[in-house]
Amino acid sequence: LRRKVTETDLAFNLVPEVFTLPDLQRGYELILGKGVYKANFRDKICEKVVETGEKGKSVTGRKLSQLYRYQFKES
């Protein structure tokens, strides 16, 4: 599972259709069993997500965060 989450887009199946980046990152970290550096994580997924133009609370209930949606691209 750890290998799959780093090599595929599996983690996008673990969050709702519309999500915050911190929520997606938390999913990665839970599967990997370790923290992920925020900037590196965002660089890795930036081409796979698109902003919805809306803001919402993260799962932890913290401040309003930009909401994103997974954008599937065939390679």
N, C-alpha and C. Protein backbone atom coordinates (compact mmCIF):
# COMPACT_ATOMS: atom_id res chain seq x y z
N LEU A 1 0.83 -1.19 0.00
CA LEU A 1 0.00 0.00 0.00
C LEU A 1 0.87 1.25 0.00
N ARG A 2 1.96 1.22 0.77
CA ARG A 2 2.87 2.38 0.80
C ARG A 2 3.45 2.65 -0.58
N ARG A 3 3.85 1.60 -1.27
CA ARG A 3 4.42 1.79 -2.61
C ARG A 3 3.35 2.31 -3.57
N LYS A 4 2.16 1.76 -3.50
CA LYS A 4 1.07 2.17 -4.38
C LYS A 4 0.72 3.64 -4.20
N VAL A 5 0.71 4.12 -2.96
CA VAL A 5 0.33 5.52 -2.73
C VAL A 5 1.38 6.48 -3.28
N THR A 6 2.64 6.05 -3.35
CA THR A 6 3.68 6.93 -3.90
C THR A 6 3.79 6.82 -5.42
N GLU A 7 3.37 5.69 -5.98
CA GLU A 7 3.52 5.47 -7.42
C GLU A 7 2.24 5.69 -8.22
N THR A 8 1.11 5.76 -7.55
CA THR A 8 -0.17 5.92 -8.24
C THR A 8 -0.97 7.07 -7.62
N ASP A 9 -2.17 7.25 -8.08
CA ASP A 9 -3.06 8.28 -7.54
C ASP A 9 -4.06 7.70 -6.53
N LEU A 10 -3.70 6.61 -5.91
CA LEU A 10 -4.55 5.92 -4.94
C LEU A 10 -5.08 6.84 -3.84
N ALA A 11 -4.28 7.75 -3.35
CA ALA A 11 -4.68 8.60 -2.23
C ALA A 11 -5.90 9.46 -2.55
N PHE A 12 -6.12 9.76 -3.82
CA PHE A 12 -7.29 10.57 -4.18
C PHE A 12 -8.59 9.82 -3.96
N ASN A 13 -8.52 8.50 -3.83
CA ASN A 13 -9.70 7.70 -3.52
C ASN A 13 -10.01 7.72 -2.03
N LEU A 14 -9.13 8.27 -1.23
CA LEU A 14 -9.30 8.28 0.22
C LEU A 14 -9.87 9.58 0.76
N VAL A 15 -10.07 10.55 -0.10
CA VAL A 15 -10.62 11.85 0.30
C VAL A 15 -11.93 12.07 -0.46
N PRO A 16 -12.78 12.97 0.04
CA PRO A 16 -14.01 13.28 -0.70
C PRO A 16 -13.70 13.88 -2.08
N GLU A 17 -14.71 14.02 -2.90
CA GLU A 17 -14.52 14.58 -4.25
C GLU A 17 -13.89 15.97 -4.19
N VAL A 18 -14.27 16.76 -3.20
CA VAL A 18 -13.70 18.09 -2.97
C VAL A 18 -12.98 18.04 -1.63
N PHE A 19 -11.73 18.47 -1.59
CA PHE A 19 -10.89 18.29 -0.41
C PHE A 19 -9.89 19.43 -0.27
N THR A 20 -9.28 19.52 0.90
CA THR A 20 -8.20 20.49 1.11
C THR A 20 -6.87 19.74 0.95
N LEU A 21 -5.82 20.47 0.61
CA LEU A 21 -4.51 19.83 0.48
C LEU A 21 -4.01 19.27 1.81
N PRO A 22 -4.24 19.96 2.94
CA PRO A 22 -3.82 19.37 4.21
C PRO A 22 -4.52 18.02 4.49
N ASP A 23 -5.79 17.90 4.09
CA ASP A 23 -6.50 16.63 4.30
C ASP A 23 -5.89 15.53 3.43
N LEU A 24 -5.57 15.84 2.19
CA LEU A 24 -4.94 14.87 1.30
C LEU A 24 -3.57 14.48 1.83
N GLN A 25 -2.81 15.46 2.29
CA GLN A 25 -1.48 15.18 2.83
C GLN A 25 -1.57 14.27 4.05
N ARG A 26 -2.56 14.49 4.91
CA ARG A 26 -2.73 13.65 6.08
C ARG A 26 -2.98 12.20 5.69
N GLY A 27 -3.73 12.00 4.61
CA GLY A 27 -3.96 10.64 4.11
C GLY A 27 -2.67 9.97 3.67
N TYR A 28 -1.85 10.71 2.92
CA TYR A 28 -0.54 10.19 2.52
C TYR A 28 0.28 9.81 3.75
N GLU A 29 0.33 10.70 4.72
CA GLU A 29 1.15 10.48 5.91
C GLU A 29 0.67 9.28 6.72
N LEU A 30 -0.63 9.08 6.80
CA LEU A 30 -1.15 7.92 7.54
C LEU A 30 -0.72 6.62 6.88
N ILE A 31 -0.81 6.58 5.56
CA ILE A 31 -0.42 5.36 4.85
C ILE A 31 1.09 5.14 4.93
N LEU A 32 1.87 6.20 4.74
CA LEU A 32 3.32 6.07 4.76
C LEU A 32 3.88 5.85 6.16
N GLY A 33 3.12 6.24 7.17
CA GLY A 33 3.58 6.08 8.55
C GLY A 33 4.64 7.09 8.95
N LYS A 34 4.70 8.21 8.22
CA LYS A 34 5.68 9.26 8.53
C LYS A 34 5.19 10.58 7.95
N GLY A 35 5.76 11.66 8.44
CA GLY A 35 5.42 12.98 7.95
C GLY A 35 5.98 13.22 6.56
N VAL A 36 5.33 14.11 5.84
CA VAL A 36 5.75 14.48 4.49
C VAL A 36 5.98 15.98 4.49
N TYR A 37 7.09 16.43 3.93
CA TYR A 37 7.40 17.85 3.87
C TYR A 37 6.37 18.54 2.96
N LYS A 38 5.71 19.57 3.49
CA LYS A 38 4.59 20.24 2.82
C LYS A 38 4.93 20.70 1.40
N ALA A 39 6.03 21.38 1.21
CA ALA A 39 6.40 21.93 -0.11
C ALA A 39 6.63 20.80 -1.12
N ASN A 40 7.32 19.76 -0.72
CA ASN A 40 7.58 18.63 -1.63
C ASN A 40 6.28 17.93 -2.00
N PHE A 41 5.39 17.77 -1.03
CA PHE A 41 4.11 17.13 -1.28
C PHE A 41 3.31 17.92 -2.30
N ARG A 42 3.24 19.23 -2.10
CA ARG A 42 2.46 20.08 -3.01
C ARG A 42 3.06 20.10 -4.41
N ASP A 43 4.38 20.09 -4.52
CA ASP A 43 5.02 20.02 -5.84
C ASP A 43 4.64 18.73 -6.55
N LYS A 44 4.57 17.63 -5.79
CA LYS A 44 4.27 16.32 -6.36
C LYS A 44 2.85 16.24 -6.91
N ILE A 45 1.89 16.87 -6.23
CA ILE A 45 0.50 16.71 -6.63
C ILE A 45 -0.08 17.91 -7.39
N CYS A 46 0.68 18.98 -7.57
CA CYS A 46 0.13 20.22 -8.15
C CYS A 46 -0.50 20.02 -9.52
N GLU A 47 0.01 19.13 -10.33
CA GLU A 47 -0.55 18.90 -11.66
C GLU A 47 -1.74 17.95 -11.64
N LYS A 48 -2.03 17.39 -10.48
CA LYS A 48 -3.12 16.42 -10.36
C LYS A 48 -4.38 17.01 -9.74
N VAL A 49 -4.31 18.27 -9.31
CA VAL A 49 -5.46 18.88 -8.66
C VAL A 49 -5.80 20.21 -9.32
N VAL A 50 -7.04 20.62 -9.16
CA VAL A 50 -7.50 21.90 -9.66
C VAL A 50 -8.31 22.58 -8.56
N GLU A 51 -8.12 23.89 -8.41
CA GLU A 51 -8.86 24.65 -7.41
C GLU A 51 -10.32 24.72 -7.80
N THR A 52 -11.20 24.66 -6.80
CA THR A 52 -12.64 24.77 -7.07
C THR A 52 -13.11 26.22 -6.99
N GLY A 53 -12.29 27.09 -6.41
CA GLY A 53 -12.70 28.47 -6.21
C GLY A 53 -13.47 28.68 -4.93
N GLU A 54 -13.63 27.61 -4.16
CA GLU A 54 -14.35 27.67 -2.90
C GLU A 54 -13.40 27.40 -1.75
N LYS A 55 -13.82 27.78 -0.56
CA LYS A 55 -13.03 27.51 0.63
C LYS A 55 -13.88 26.72 1.61
N GLY A 56 -13.22 25.88 2.38
CA GLY A 56 -13.92 25.08 3.37
C GLY A 56 -13.00 24.74 4.51
N LYS A 57 -13.57 24.21 5.57
CA LYS A 57 -12.77 23.81 6.72
C LYS A 57 -12.09 22.48 6.45
N SER A 58 -10.90 22.33 7.00
CA SER A 58 -10.23 21.05 6.89
C SER A 58 -10.89 20.09 7.88
N VAL A 59 -10.57 18.82 7.79
CA VAL A 59 -11.14 17.82 8.67
C VAL A 59 -10.88 18.17 10.13
N THR A 60 -9.75 18.78 10.41
CA THR A 60 -9.43 19.13 11.79
C THR A 60 -10.23 20.32 12.28
N GLY A 61 -10.99 20.97 11.40
CA GLY A 61 -11.82 22.09 11.78
C GLY A 61 -11.08 23.41 11.87
N ARG A 62 -9.89 23.45 11.37
CA ARG A 62 -9.09 24.68 11.40
C ARG A 62 -9.60 25.70 10.40
N LYS A 63 -8.81 26.73 10.16
CA LYS A 63 -9.19 27.84 9.28
C LYS A 63 -9.70 27.38 7.92
N LEU A 64 -10.32 28.32 7.22
CA LEU A 64 -10.81 28.02 5.88
C LEU A 64 -9.65 27.80 4.93
N SER A 65 -9.69 26.71 4.20
CA SER A 65 -8.64 26.35 3.26
C SER A 65 -9.23 26.24 1.87
N GLN A 66 -8.39 26.49 0.87
CA GLN A 66 -8.80 26.34 -0.53
C GLN A 66 -9.23 24.90 -0.77
N LEU A 67 -10.32 24.71 -1.49
CA LEU A 67 -10.79 23.38 -1.83
C LEU A 67 -10.28 23.01 -3.22
N TYR A 68 -9.98 21.73 -3.38
CA TYR A 68 -9.44 21.21 -4.64
C TYR A 68 -10.24 20.00 -5.08
N ARG A 69 -10.06 19.65 -6.34
CA ARG A 69 -10.67 18.47 -6.92
C ARG A 69 -9.59 17.75 -7.72
N TYR A 70 -9.62 16.43 -7.68
CA TYR A 70 -8.67 15.62 -8.45
C TYR A 70 -8.94 15.80 -9.94
N GLN A 71 -7.88 16.00 -10.69
CA GLN A 71 -7.99 16.18 -12.13
C GLN A 71 -7.22 15.06 -12.81
N PHE A 72 -7.94 14.05 -13.27
CA PHE A 72 -7.32 12.91 -13.91
C PHE A 72 -6.75 13.31 -15.26
N LYS A 73 -5.50 12.93 -15.48
CA LYS A 73 -4.85 13.16 -16.77
C LYS A 73 -4.24 11.85 -17.24
N GLU A 74 -4.55 11.49 -18.45
CA GLU A 74 -3.95 10.27 -19.02
C GLU A 74 -2.53 10.57 -19.44
N SER A 75 -1.65 9.60 -19.23
CA SER A 75 -0.24 9.82 -19.61
C SER A 75 0.07 9.17 -20.92
